[in-house]
Amino acid sequence: MSRPLSDDSQSKGSYSPTQSSTKVDFSKLEKTALLRYWRHFNLVDSIPNPSKEQLIDVVQRHFMSQVLQIYFLLFFPLLQLDELQVIIGFAQAAKRLKTVCN
């Protein structure tokens, strides 16, 4: 997973964790592959008969939630943190990173 400091959609030298935290383009997958992911992770309750676009959205959101969980497990493995404090700390870190990269 690469995280460039800039790309066409961002100003030069800026970094946004929400925009470039993943470079997985789920639209390149066939609908059958997206359906397998959808079933494997039991996301079937969300939409009864999804279109490919809906599958891409559901899969992308689920995938990113898993990436964030892994991030917190890697960087905060033994800490019992309050969820609100984690979100606030993450937002503050993102703002600091943005300031440093500008």
N, C-alpha and C. Protein backbone atom coordinates (compact mmCIF):
# COMPACT_ATOMS: atom_id res chain seq x y z
N MET A 1 0.84 -1.16 0.00
CA MET A 1 0.00 0.00 0.00
C MET A 1 0.89 1.23 0.00
N SER A 2 0.82 2.06 -1.01
CA SER A 2 1.66 3.24 -1.04
C SER A 2 0.88 4.46 -0.63
N ARG A 3 1.59 5.41 -0.03
CA ARG A 3 0.95 6.64 0.42
C ARG A 3 1.74 7.82 -0.12
N PRO A 4 1.41 8.28 -1.32
CA PRO A 4 2.15 9.40 -1.87
C PRO A 4 1.85 10.69 -1.11
N LEU A 5 2.82 11.58 -1.07
CA LEU A 5 2.60 12.85 -0.41
C LEU A 5 1.75 13.78 -1.25
N SER A 6 1.69 13.54 -2.55
CA SER A 6 0.82 14.36 -3.39
C SER A 6 0.37 13.55 -4.58
N ASP A 7 -0.78 13.93 -5.12
CA ASP A 7 -1.26 13.36 -6.36
C ASP A 7 -2.11 14.41 -7.05
N ASP A 8 -2.73 14.06 -8.16
CA ASP A 8 -3.48 15.03 -8.95
C ASP A 8 -4.63 15.67 -8.16
N SER A 9 -5.24 14.93 -7.23
CA SER A 9 -6.40 15.44 -6.52
C SER A 9 -6.04 16.27 -5.29
N GLN A 10 -4.75 16.36 -4.96
CA GLN A 10 -4.33 17.08 -3.77
C GLN A 10 -3.31 18.14 -4.16
N SER A 11 -3.19 19.16 -3.32
CA SER A 11 -2.18 20.15 -3.58
C SER A 11 -0.81 19.54 -3.32
N LYS A 12 0.20 20.06 -4.01
CA LYS A 12 1.54 19.49 -3.91
C LYS A 12 2.05 19.55 -2.48
N GLY A 13 2.53 18.40 -2.00
CA GLY A 13 3.12 18.33 -0.68
C GLY A 13 2.14 18.07 0.44
N SER A 14 0.86 18.00 0.16
CA SER A 14 -0.10 17.76 1.24
C SER A 14 -0.39 16.27 1.34
N TYR A 15 -0.85 15.88 2.52
CA TYR A 15 -1.17 14.48 2.76
C TYR A 15 -2.45 14.41 3.55
N SER A 16 -3.38 13.60 3.08
CA SER A 16 -4.63 13.42 3.80
C SER A 16 -4.85 11.94 4.02
N PRO A 17 -4.82 11.47 5.28
CA PRO A 17 -4.99 10.05 5.56
C PRO A 17 -6.30 9.50 5.02
N THR A 18 -7.34 10.30 5.00
CA THR A 18 -8.63 9.79 4.53
C THR A 18 -8.66 9.63 3.02
N GLN A 19 -7.89 10.44 2.29
CA GLN A 19 -7.93 10.36 0.85
C GLN A 19 -6.94 9.36 0.27
N SER A 20 -5.80 9.16 0.93
CA SER A 20 -4.80 8.29 0.31
C SER A 20 -4.40 7.14 1.21
N SER A 21 -5.24 6.76 2.16
CA SER A 21 -4.86 5.68 3.06
C SER A 21 -4.97 4.32 2.38
N THR A 22 -5.69 4.24 1.29
CA THR A 22 -5.75 3.00 0.54
C THR A 22 -5.75 3.30 -0.94
N LYS A 23 -5.10 2.46 -1.69
CA LYS A 23 -5.07 2.61 -3.14
C LYS A 23 -5.72 1.40 -3.80
N VAL A 24 -6.62 0.75 -3.09
CA VAL A 24 -7.33 -0.40 -3.64
C VAL A 24 -8.51 0.11 -4.44
N ASP A 25 -8.53 -0.22 -5.73
CA ASP A 25 -9.63 0.20 -6.60
C ASP A 25 -10.58 -0.98 -6.78
N PHE A 26 -11.61 -1.01 -5.95
CA PHE A 26 -12.55 -2.13 -5.99
C PHE A 26 -13.39 -2.14 -7.25
N SER A 27 -13.44 -1.04 -7.98
CA SER A 27 -14.23 -1.01 -9.21
C SER A 27 -13.61 -1.88 -10.30
N LYS A 28 -12.34 -2.23 -10.13
CA LYS A 28 -11.68 -3.10 -11.11
C LYS A 28 -12.06 -4.57 -10.93
N LEU A 29 -12.63 -4.89 -9.78
CA LEU A 29 -13.04 -6.28 -9.53
C LEU A 29 -14.37 -6.56 -10.22
N GLU A 30 -14.55 -7.81 -10.59
CA GLU A 30 -15.83 -8.21 -11.16
C GLU A 30 -16.86 -8.31 -10.05
N LYS A 31 -18.12 -8.22 -10.44
CA LYS A 31 -19.20 -8.27 -9.45
C LYS A 31 -19.17 -9.58 -8.66
N THR A 32 -18.79 -10.69 -9.31
CA THR A 32 -18.75 -11.97 -8.61
C THR A 32 -17.72 -11.96 -7.48
N ALA A 33 -16.58 -11.31 -7.71
CA ALA A 33 -15.55 -11.21 -6.66
C ALA A 33 -16.05 -10.35 -5.51
N LEU A 34 -16.71 -9.26 -5.83
CA LEU A 34 -17.27 -8.40 -4.80
C LEU A 34 -18.34 -9.13 -4.01
N LEU A 35 -19.15 -9.94 -4.68
CA LEU A 35 -20.18 -10.73 -3.99
C LEU A 35 -19.56 -11.76 -3.04
N ARG A 36 -18.44 -12.37 -3.46
CA ARG A 36 -17.76 -13.33 -2.58
C ARG A 36 -17.27 -12.64 -1.32
N TYR A 37 -16.66 -11.47 -1.47
CA TYR A 37 -16.19 -10.69 -0.31
C TYR A 37 -17.39 -10.36 0.57
N TRP A 38 -18.46 -9.90 -0.03
CA TRP A 38 -19.69 -9.48 0.65
C TRP A 38 -20.25 -10.63 1.49
N ARG A 39 -20.28 -11.84 0.89
CA ARG A 39 -20.79 -13.01 1.61
C ARG A 39 -19.80 -13.49 2.68
N HIS A 40 -18.51 -13.51 2.32
CA HIS A 40 -17.48 -14.01 3.25
C HIS A 40 -17.50 -13.23 4.57
N PHE A 41 -17.63 -11.92 4.49
CA PHE A 41 -17.62 -11.09 5.68
C PHE A 41 -19.03 -10.81 6.21
N ASN A 42 -19.98 -11.58 5.71
CA ASN A 42 -21.36 -11.53 6.19
C ASN A 42 -21.93 -10.11 6.15
N LEU A 43 -21.73 -9.44 5.03
CA LEU A 43 -22.26 -8.10 4.84
C LEU A 43 -23.62 -8.14 4.15
N VAL A 44 -24.18 -9.34 4.04
CA VAL A 44 -25.40 -9.57 3.27
C VAL A 44 -26.62 -8.87 3.84
N ASP A 45 -26.64 -8.57 5.12
CA ASP A 45 -27.81 -7.90 5.70
C ASP A 45 -27.95 -6.46 5.24
N SER A 46 -26.86 -5.87 4.79
CA SER A 46 -26.89 -4.45 4.45
C SER A 46 -27.79 -4.14 3.25
N ILE A 47 -27.73 -4.96 2.20
CA ILE A 47 -28.53 -4.72 0.99
C ILE A 47 -28.97 -6.09 0.46
N PRO A 48 -30.25 -6.29 0.19
CA PRO A 48 -30.72 -7.61 -0.25
C PRO A 48 -30.16 -8.08 -1.60
N ASN A 49 -30.17 -7.24 -2.61
CA ASN A 49 -29.68 -7.62 -3.94
C ASN A 49 -28.90 -6.44 -4.52
N PRO A 50 -27.64 -6.26 -4.11
CA PRO A 50 -26.91 -5.05 -4.46
C PRO A 50 -26.42 -5.00 -5.90
N SER A 51 -26.35 -3.79 -6.43
CA SER A 51 -25.72 -3.56 -7.73
C SER A 51 -24.21 -3.57 -7.53
N LYS A 52 -23.46 -3.55 -8.61
CA LYS A 52 -22.00 -3.53 -8.49
C LYS A 52 -21.55 -2.26 -7.76
N GLU A 53 -22.17 -1.13 -8.06
CA GLU A 53 -21.80 0.12 -7.41
C GLU A 53 -22.05 0.07 -5.90
N GLN A 54 -23.18 -0.53 -5.51
CA GLN A 54 -23.47 -0.67 -4.09
C GLN A 54 -22.47 -1.61 -3.41
N LEU A 55 -22.11 -2.69 -4.11
CA LEU A 55 -21.11 -3.61 -3.57
C LEU A 55 -19.77 -2.92 -3.38
N ILE A 56 -19.37 -2.13 -4.35
CA ILE A 56 -18.10 -1.40 -4.25
C ILE A 56 -18.11 -0.52 -3.01
N ASP A 57 -19.21 0.18 -2.79
CA ASP A 57 -19.32 1.07 -1.63
C ASP A 57 -19.25 0.29 -0.32
N VAL A 58 -20.02 -0.78 -0.21
CA VAL A 58 -20.05 -1.58 1.02
C VAL A 58 -18.69 -2.23 1.28
N VAL A 59 -18.10 -2.80 0.25
CA VAL A 59 -16.79 -3.47 0.38
C VAL A 59 -15.72 -2.46 0.76
N GLN A 60 -15.72 -1.29 0.11
CA GLN A 60 -14.72 -0.25 0.42
C GLN A 60 -14.82 0.19 1.88
N ARG A 61 -16.04 0.45 2.35
CA ARG A 61 -16.22 0.88 3.74
C ARG A 61 -15.79 -0.21 4.72
N HIS A 62 -16.15 -1.47 4.42
CA HIS A 62 -15.75 -2.56 5.30
C HIS A 62 -14.23 -2.73 5.31
N PHE A 63 -13.63 -2.69 4.13
CA PHE A 63 -12.19 -2.84 4.01
C PHE A 63 -11.46 -1.76 4.81
N MET A 64 -11.91 -0.51 4.69
CA MET A 64 -11.26 0.57 5.42
C MET A 64 -11.44 0.42 6.93
N SER A 65 -12.59 -0.10 7.36
CA SER A 65 -12.78 -0.31 8.80
C SER A 65 -11.80 -1.36 9.31
N GLN A 66 -11.52 -2.37 8.49
CA GLN A 66 -10.56 -3.39 8.87
C GLN A 66 -9.15 -2.82 8.91
N VAL A 67 -8.81 -1.97 7.96
CA VAL A 67 -7.48 -1.34 7.93
C VAL A 67 -7.28 -0.50 9.19
N LEU A 68 -8.29 0.27 9.58
CA LEU A 68 -8.17 1.09 10.79
C LEU A 68 -8.04 0.23 12.04
N GLN A 69 -8.77 -0.88 12.09
CA GLN A 69 -8.65 -1.78 13.24
C GLN A 69 -7.24 -2.34 13.34
N ILE A 70 -6.67 -2.73 12.22
CA ILE A 70 -5.31 -3.27 12.20
C ILE A 70 -4.32 -2.20 12.64
N TYR A 71 -4.52 -0.97 12.14
CA TYR A 71 -3.65 0.14 12.52
C TYR A 71 -3.63 0.31 14.04
N PHE A 72 -4.81 0.36 14.65
CA PHE A 72 -4.87 0.55 16.09
C PHE A 72 -4.31 -0.65 16.85
N LEU A 73 -4.51 -1.86 16.33
CA LEU A 73 -3.93 -3.03 16.99
C LEU A 73 -2.41 -3.01 16.94
N LEU A 74 -1.86 -2.52 15.83
CA LEU A 74 -0.41 -2.47 15.69
C LEU A 74 0.22 -1.38 16.56
N PHE A 75 -0.42 -0.22 16.61
CA PHE A 75 0.18 0.91 17.30
C PHE A 75 -0.28 1.09 18.74
N PHE A 76 -1.38 0.45 19.11
CA PHE A 76 -1.89 0.56 20.47
C PHE A 76 -2.30 -0.82 20.99
N PRO A 77 -1.41 -1.81 20.95
CA PRO A 77 -1.83 -3.18 21.25
C PRO A 77 -2.23 -3.45 22.70
N LEU A 78 -1.63 -2.79 23.65
CA LEU A 78 -1.89 -3.13 25.04
C LEU A 78 -2.69 -2.06 25.78
N LEU A 79 -3.05 -1.01 25.09
CA LEU A 79 -3.75 0.08 25.74
C LEU A 79 -5.26 -0.13 25.71
N GLN A 80 -5.91 0.15 26.79
CA GLN A 80 -7.36 0.17 26.84
C GLN A 80 -7.77 1.64 26.68
N LEU A 81 -8.14 2.01 25.46
CA LEU A 81 -8.42 3.41 25.18
C LEU A 81 -9.90 3.67 25.02
N ASP A 82 -10.29 4.86 25.43
CA ASP A 82 -11.64 5.33 25.21
C ASP A 82 -11.78 5.66 23.72
N GLU A 83 -12.84 5.17 23.09
CA GLU A 83 -13.02 5.34 21.65
C GLU A 83 -13.01 6.81 21.25
N LEU A 84 -13.67 7.66 21.99
CA LEU A 84 -13.70 9.08 21.69
C LEU A 84 -12.30 9.67 21.76
N GLN A 85 -11.52 9.28 22.76
CA GLN A 85 -10.15 9.78 22.87
C GLN A 85 -9.28 9.33 21.70
N VAL A 86 -9.51 8.12 21.22
CA VAL A 86 -8.76 7.61 20.07
C VAL A 86 -9.09 8.44 18.84
N ILE A 87 -10.37 8.70 18.63
CA ILE A 87 -10.78 9.48 17.46
C ILE A 87 -10.22 10.90 17.53
N ILE A 88 -10.29 11.51 18.70
CA ILE A 88 -9.75 12.86 18.87
C ILE A 88 -8.24 12.85 18.62
N GLY A 89 -7.53 11.88 19.18
CA GLY A 89 -6.09 11.78 18.96
C GLY A 89 -5.73 11.56 17.51
N PHE A 90 -6.51 10.73 16.82
CA PHE A 90 -6.26 10.47 15.40
C PHE A 90 -6.46 11.76 14.59
N ALA A 91 -7.52 12.49 14.88
CA ALA A 91 -7.78 13.75 14.17
C ALA A 91 -6.67 14.76 14.43
N GLN A 92 -6.20 14.84 15.67
CA GLN A 92 -5.11 15.76 16.00
C GLN A 92 -3.82 15.37 15.28
N ALA A 93 -3.54 14.07 15.22
CA ALA A 93 -2.34 13.60 14.52
C ALA A 93 -2.43 13.91 13.04
N ALA A 94 -3.60 13.74 12.46
CA ALA A 94 -3.79 14.03 11.04
C ALA A 94 -3.57 15.52 10.77
N LYS A 95 -4.06 16.38 11.66
CA LYS A 95 -3.86 17.83 11.50
C LYS A 95 -2.38 18.17 11.61
N ARG A 96 -1.68 17.56 12.57
CA ARG A 96 -0.24 17.82 12.71
C ARG A 96 0.51 17.38 11.46
N LEU A 97 0.17 16.20 10.96
CA LEU A 97 0.82 15.68 9.75
C LEU A 97 0.57 16.61 8.56
N LYS A 98 -0.66 17.11 8.44
CA LYS A 98 -0.99 18.02 7.37
C LYS A 98 -0.17 19.29 7.48
N THR A 99 -0.01 19.81 8.70
CA THR A 99 0.78 21.02 8.92
C THR A 99 2.23 20.79 8.55
N VAL A 100 2.80 19.66 8.93
CA VAL A 100 4.19 19.34 8.67
C VAL A 100 4.44 19.18 7.17
N CYS A 101 3.48 18.59 6.47
CA CYS A 101 3.66 18.31 5.05
C CYS A 101 3.40 19.51 4.16
N ASN A 102 2.81 20.57 4.69
CA ASN A 102 2.53 21.76 3.86
C ASN A 102 3.70 22.68 3.79
